Amino acid sequence: MTAKASGTFMLGGDIPIHRLGFGAMRITGKGIWGDPSDHDEAIRVLKRLPELDINFIDTADSYGPFVSEDLIREALHPYPGILVATKGGFTRHGPDIWRVLGNPHYLRQCVLMSLRRLNVERIDLWQLHRIDRKTDRDAQFQVVADMQREGLIRHVGLSEVNIEEIEAARKYFPVVSVQNQYNLVHRHSEDVLDYCERENIGFIPWYPLADGSLSEEGGVLSEIATRLNATRSQVALAWALKRSPVMLPIPGTSKVKHLEENTAAADLVLSDADFKALDDLGRAEWEKSRQA
């Protein structure tokens, strides 16, 4: 039971990571605000990651804010063999309150403070958490390119973007990852995923475990999970991993037991028939939700 079974992806062409990673949003407090309710368990979760061969961690300065990065440093610094990716571009004003801010000076501050909190000289993957629609897009891309040229950032990723935005950003820097919401029943980024696969860009689906009405008892997802002696979440992760070789799921949790259950999905093998059944039903539910 390790993430090795999920396969390896060369992020940016030079950083090998196991495709099943870890999203570090849930190790913070309720509403992604403040400290976790159980600090020691959060640290145990993080320390368990290398033991499970999970070597890709996704976080953001806005998780807490700052709490997630601080916990990662406390548990894992100096991160031997681990890629810690972080993001910037949001401000926080309370639990579940997120506001985009793409001012170039603020984005630079995000990077500099993440460097300090993670205690590194360079961030191997820094992602623009959102493109600020109220700020000149080119100015946002330019400051990121400047920071990459200065050696503060090794690789750059984007979050919640369409193909046109990816191509616009690529005029300033290579885009090595895209992080959009994507799961069995949320498929608005199918074209982006296909684009990333063609261009060998890592696709990081956030909220990868959602399964909508597919999780109903007696349904196809439940039947497949029972037959494979797995949980529905494990089947949903196995489906994501089979969907594309550039898919890099980052399920998050604040409990070691749940982390281990998620990691076991790397060993789960779906038949082509099971994959197609889930894929067809997921697409149908997505179309139904769009028309509602």
Protein backbone atom coordinates (compact mmCIF):
# COMPACT_ATOMS: atom_id res chain seq x y z
CA MET A 1 0.00 0.00 0.00
CA THR A 2 2.08 2.89 -1.29
CA ALA A 3 1.66 5.66 -3.83
CA LYS A 4 4.29 4.04 -6.07
CA ALA A 5 1.56 1.89 -7.58
CA SER A 6 -0.08 5.03 -9.02
CA GLY A 7 2.82 5.45 -11.43
CA THR A 8 5.29 8.27 -11.96
CA PHE A 9 4.93 11.61 -13.72
CA MET A 10 7.84 13.87 -14.66
CA LEU A 11 6.63 17.29 -13.58
CA GLY A 12 8.20 19.97 -15.74
CA GLY A 13 10.24 17.24 -17.36
CA ASP A 14 12.69 17.06 -14.47
CA ILE A 15 10.91 16.27 -11.17
CA PRO A 16 9.65 12.69 -10.83
CA ILE A 17 6.60 12.40 -8.59
CA HIS A 18 4.19 9.59 -7.84
CA ARG A 19 0.86 10.44 -9.41
CA LEU A 20 -1.18 10.02 -6.24
CA GLY A 21 -0.35 13.05 -4.11
CA PHE A 22 -1.72 14.79 -1.03
CA GLY A 23 -3.74 17.97 -0.74
CA ALA A 24 -2.88 19.82 2.49
CA MET A 25 -5.96 22.02 2.77
CA ARG A 26 -7.82 19.86 5.29
CA ILE A 27 -5.09 19.89 7.93
CA THR A 28 -6.26 23.38 8.95
CA GLY A 29 -9.27 24.43 11.03
CA LYS A 30 -12.95 24.52 10.11
CA GLY A 31 -13.61 26.66 7.07
CA ILE A 32 -9.91 26.28 6.16
CA TRP A 33 -9.30 28.84 8.89
CA GLY A 34 -6.93 28.69 11.85
CA ASP A 35 -5.20 25.76 13.48
CA PRO A 36 -6.40 22.17 13.17
CA SER A 37 -8.56 20.77 15.95
CA ASP A 38 -5.92 18.08 16.52
CA HIS A 39 -2.42 19.42 15.87
CA ASP A 40 -0.67 16.16 16.71
CA GLU A 41 -2.84 14.15 14.32
CA ALA A 42 -2.14 16.64 11.55
CA ILE A 43 1.58 16.18 12.11
CA ARG A 44 1.15 12.39 12.12
CA VAL A 45 -0.65 12.63 8.77
CA LEU A 46 2.19 14.63 7.26
CA LYS A 47 4.90 12.36 8.66
CA ARG A 48 3.04 9.33 7.26
CA LEU A 49 3.28 10.68 3.69
CA PRO A 50 6.90 9.66 2.94
CA GLU A 51 6.26 6.29 4.57
CA LEU A 52 3.50 5.78 1.99
CA ASP A 53 5.78 7.01 -0.84
CA ILE A 54 3.63 10.11 -1.35
CA ASN A 55 6.17 12.61 -2.63
CA PHE A 56 3.90 15.34 -4.00
CA ILE A 57 2.19 17.70 -1.55
CA ASP A 58 -0.08 20.53 -2.69
CA THR A 59 -0.74 23.44 -0.35
CA ALA A 60 -1.33 27.21 -0.50
CA ASP A 61 -0.51 30.26 1.57
CA SER A 62 -4.26 30.86 1.97
CA TYR A 63 -4.87 27.54 3.76
CA GLY A 64 -5.26 28.72 7.32
CA PRO A 65 -4.05 31.19 6.14
CA PHE A 66 -0.40 30.15 6.50
CA VAL A 67 -1.21 27.24 8.85
CA SER A 68 -0.80 24.49 6.27
CA GLU A 69 2.62 25.68 5.16
CA ASP A 70 3.76 26.03 8.76
CA LEU A 71 2.66 22.49 9.62
CA ILE A 72 4.37 21.06 6.54
CA ARG A 73 7.63 22.74 7.53
CA GLU A 74 7.29 21.52 11.13
CA ALA A 75 6.69 17.92 10.08
CA LEU A 76 8.81 17.44 6.98
CA HIS A 77 11.52 20.06 6.49
CA PRO A 78 13.93 19.79 4.65
CA TYR A 79 11.60 17.66 2.46
CA PRO A 80 14.00 14.94 1.24
CA GLY A 81 12.64 13.54 -2.02
CA ILE A 82 9.36 15.45 -1.63
CA LEU A 83 7.97 18.14 -3.91
CA VAL A 84 6.03 20.71 -1.90
CA ALA A 85 3.92 22.81 -4.26
CA THR A 86 2.20 25.93 -3.00
CA LYS A 87 -0.09 28.62 -4.38
CA GLY A 88 -0.74 32.34 -3.98
CA GLY A 89 -3.26 34.91 -5.09
CA PHE A 90 -6.04 34.78 -2.49
CA THR A 91 -6.60 36.89 0.62
CA ARG A 92 -8.54 35.50 3.58
CA HIS A 93 -10.94 37.42 5.81
CA GLY A 94 -12.58 34.62 7.79
CA PRO A 95 -13.72 30.99 7.60
CA ASP A 96 -14.72 30.00 4.06
CA ILE A 97 -14.10 33.56 2.80
CA TRP A 98 -11.76 33.78 -0.21
CA ARG A 99 -10.98 36.91 -2.23
CA VAL A 100 -8.78 36.97 -5.33
CA LEU A 101 -5.96 39.49 -5.40
CA GLY A 102 -3.61 39.49 -8.38
CA ASN A 103 -1.77 42.73 -7.74
CA PRO A 104 1.79 42.00 -8.90
CA HIS A 105 3.26 43.37 -5.65
CA TYR A 106 0.99 41.08 -3.66
CA LEU A 107 1.89 38.03 -5.75
CA ARG A 108 5.57 38.72 -5.10
CA GLN A 109 4.81 39.01 -1.40
CA CYS A 110 3.00 35.65 -1.56
CA VAL A 111 6.08 33.96 -2.97
CA LEU A 112 8.52 35.61 -0.58
CA MET A 113 6.44 34.71 2.47
CA SER A 114 5.93 31.11 1.29
CA LEU A 115 9.69 30.81 0.90
CA ARG A 116 10.08 31.95 4.49
CA ARG A 117 7.35 29.73 5.94
CA LEU A 118 8.51 26.61 4.09
CA ASN A 119 12.13 27.56 4.83
CA VAL A 120 13.39 27.01 1.28
CA GLU A 121 15.41 29.10 -1.12
CA ARG A 122 13.26 28.21 -4.13
CA ILE A 123 9.71 26.93 -4.57
CA ASP A 124 9.82 23.98 -6.94
CA LEU A 125 6.20 24.45 -8.05
CA TRP A 126 4.36 27.70 -7.40
CA GLN A 127 0.83 28.02 -8.74
CA LEU A 128 -1.25 31.12 -9.40
CA HIS A 129 -4.30 30.28 -7.31
CA ARG A 130 -6.61 32.32 -9.54
CA ILE A 131 -6.23 34.86 -12.32
CA ASP A 132 -7.59 38.13 -10.93
CA ARG A 133 -10.19 39.41 -13.43
CA LYS A 134 -9.89 42.93 -11.97
CA THR A 135 -6.14 43.15 -12.56
CA ASP A 136 -4.29 43.22 -15.87
CA ARG A 137 -3.68 39.58 -16.74
CA ASP A 138 -0.37 40.21 -18.45
CA ALA A 139 0.93 42.04 -15.39
CA GLN A 140 0.18 38.98 -13.27
CA PHE A 141 1.94 36.67 -15.69
CA GLN A 142 4.89 39.05 -16.00
CA VAL A 143 5.65 39.19 -12.27
CA VAL A 144 5.49 35.38 -12.09
CA ALA A 145 7.90 35.17 -15.02
CA ASP A 146 10.19 37.67 -13.29
CA MET A 147 10.24 35.60 -10.09
CA GLN A 148 11.02 32.47 -12.08
CA ARG A 149 13.89 34.23 -13.83
CA GLU A 150 15.18 35.44 -10.45
CA GLY A 151 15.30 31.86 -9.17
CA LEU A 152 12.54 32.20 -6.58
CA ILE A 153 10.35 29.73 -8.49
CA ARG A 154 11.46 26.63 -10.37
CA HIS A 155 8.21 25.70 -12.14
CA VAL A 156 4.88 27.47 -12.55
CA GLY A 157 1.33 26.15 -12.51
CA LEU A 158 -2.14 27.65 -12.88
CA SER A 159 -5.45 26.98 -11.17
CA GLU A 160 -9.04 27.17 -12.46
CA VAL A 161 -8.16 28.21 -16.00
CA ASN A 162 -9.34 27.48 -19.52
CA ILE A 163 -7.24 26.62 -22.57
CA GLU A 164 -7.04 30.20 -23.80
CA GLU A 165 -5.68 31.33 -20.43
CA ILE A 166 -3.10 28.55 -20.37
CA GLU A 167 -1.87 29.53 -23.81
CA ALA A 168 -1.72 33.20 -22.83
CA ALA A 169 0.36 32.33 -19.77
CA ARG A 170 2.70 30.13 -21.82
CA LYS A 171 3.84 33.24 -23.67
CA TYR A 172 5.48 34.28 -20.39
CA PHE A 173 6.57 30.99 -18.82
CA PRO A 174 6.22 27.23 -19.32
CA VAL A 175 3.06 25.97 -17.61
CA VAL A 176 3.85 22.59 -16.06
CA SER A 177 0.60 22.00 -14.14
CA VAL A 178 -3.05 22.99 -14.15
CA GLN A 179 -5.25 22.57 -11.10
CA ASN A 180 -8.99 22.60 -11.88
CA GLN A 181 -11.98 21.06 -10.18
CA TYR A 182 -12.56 17.65 -11.72
CA ASN A 183 -14.07 14.36 -10.62
CA LEU A 184 -16.51 11.67 -11.75
CA VAL A 185 -19.45 14.07 -11.87
CA HIS A 186 -17.81 17.48 -12.37
CA ARG A 187 -16.51 17.51 -15.92
CA HIS A 188 -16.37 21.14 -17.06
CA SER A 189 -12.60 20.78 -17.59
CA GLU A 190 -12.65 17.81 -19.96
CA ASP A 191 -11.21 19.95 -22.77
CA VAL A 192 -8.52 21.32 -20.45
CA LEU A 193 -7.57 17.81 -19.34
CA ASP A 194 -7.31 16.65 -22.95
CA TYR A 195 -5.16 19.71 -23.76
CA CYS A 196 -2.89 18.97 -20.80
CA GLU A 197 -2.52 15.36 -21.92
CA ARG A 198 -1.50 16.46 -25.41
CA GLU A 199 1.00 18.95 -24.01
CA ASN A 200 2.26 16.70 -21.16
CA ILE A 201 1.13 19.20 -18.53
CA GLY A 202 0.28 17.75 -15.13
CA PHE A 203 -3.46 17.99 -14.39
CA ILE A 204 -4.21 18.26 -10.67
CA PRO A 205 -7.92 17.64 -9.99
CA TRP A 206 -9.14 19.25 -6.80
CA TYR A 207 -12.14 17.73 -5.03
CA PRO A 208 -11.35 14.41 -6.74
CA LEU A 209 -13.57 12.22 -4.54
CA ALA A 210 -16.96 13.75 -5.33
CA ASP A 211 -19.30 11.21 -6.86
CA GLY A 212 -22.76 12.79 -6.66
CA SER A 213 -25.72 10.46 -6.97
CA LEU A 214 -23.40 7.72 -8.24
CA SER A 215 -22.70 6.86 -4.60
CA GLU A 216 -26.26 5.72 -3.95
CA GLU A 217 -26.54 2.25 -2.49
CA GLY A 218 -27.18 -0.31 -5.20
CA GLY A 219 -25.74 1.92 -7.92
CA VAL A 220 -22.88 1.10 -10.25
CA LEU A 221 -20.23 2.79 -8.08
CA SER A 222 -21.42 0.93 -5.00
CA GLU A 223 -21.56 -2.37 -6.90
CA ILE A 224 -18.03 -1.98 -8.27
CA ALA A 225 -16.70 -1.00 -4.83
CA THR A 226 -18.32 -4.04 -3.21
CA ARG A 227 -17.05 -6.39 -5.90
CA LEU A 228 -13.49 -5.05 -5.58
CA ASN A 229 -13.63 -4.99 -1.77
CA ALA A 230 -12.94 -1.25 -1.86
CA THR A 231 -14.57 1.96 -0.73
CA ARG A 232 -16.43 4.22 -3.13
CA SER A 233 -13.76 6.88 -2.63
CA GLN A 234 -11.05 4.41 -3.61
CA VAL A 235 -12.94 3.53 -6.77
CA ALA A 236 -13.37 7.23 -7.61
CA LEU A 237 -9.61 7.75 -7.22
CA ALA A 238 -8.80 4.66 -9.27
CA TRP A 239 -11.09 6.00 -12.00
CA ALA A 240 -9.26 9.36 -11.97
CA LEU A 241 -5.86 7.70 -12.21
CA LYS A 242 -7.01 5.56 -15.15
CA ARG A 243 -8.63 8.54 -16.91
CA SER A 244 -5.31 10.09 -18.01
CA PRO A 245 -1.56 9.55 -17.53
CA VAL A 246 -1.16 13.24 -16.62
CA MET A 247 -3.78 13.06 -13.86
CA LEU A 248 -2.33 13.87 -10.41
CA PRO A 249 -5.07 13.47 -7.79
CA ILE A 250 -4.45 15.14 -4.42
CA PRO A 251 -7.06 13.82 -1.97
CA GLY A 252 -6.74 15.55 1.37
CA THR A 253 -7.55 14.52 4.92
CA SER A 254 -6.68 15.30 8.51
CA LYS A 255 -6.75 11.64 9.65
CA VAL A 256 -4.07 8.99 9.20
CA LYS A 257 -6.65 6.23 8.73
CA HIS A 258 -8.33 8.11 5.90
CA LEU A 259 -4.93 8.87 4.33
CA GLU A 260 -4.09 5.18 4.29
CA GLU A 261 -7.47 4.33 2.74
CA ASN A 262 -6.91 6.87 -0.02
CA THR A 263 -3.40 5.59 -0.70
CA ALA A 264 -4.71 2.05 -1.11
CA ALA A 265 -6.55 3.28 -4.22
CA ALA A 266 -3.21 3.30 -6.04
CA ASP A 267 -3.30 -0.51 -5.99
CA LEU A 268 -6.87 -0.73 -7.23
CA VAL A 269 -7.17 -1.83 -10.85
CA LEU A 270 -10.37 -1.02 -12.73
CA SER A 271 -11.29 -3.08 -15.76
CA ASP A 272 -11.97 -1.19 -18.97
CA ALA A 273 -15.65 -2.14 -18.61
CA ASP A 274 -15.87 -0.77 -15.06
CA PHE A 275 -14.07 2.40 -16.10
CA LYS A 276 -16.44 2.95 -19.01
CA ALA A 277 -19.53 2.33 -16.89
CA LEU A 278 -18.40 4.91 -14.35
CA ASP A 279 -17.27 7.35 -17.00
CA ASP A 280 -20.56 7.18 -18.91
CA LEU A 281 -22.64 7.63 -15.76
CA GLY A 282 -20.46 10.49 -14.54
CA ARG A 283 -20.75 12.33 -17.84
CA ALA A 284 -24.52 11.81 -17.84
CA GLU A 285 -24.85 13.24 -14.34
CA TRP A 286 -22.70 16.21 -15.30
CA GLU A 287 -24.89 16.95 -18.31
CA LYS A 288 -27.99 16.59 -16.16
CA SER A 289 -26.65 19.05 -13.60
CA ARG A 290 -25.82 21.56 -16.31
CA GLN A 291 -29.35 21.48 -17.64
CA ALA A 292 -31.01 21.74 -14.21
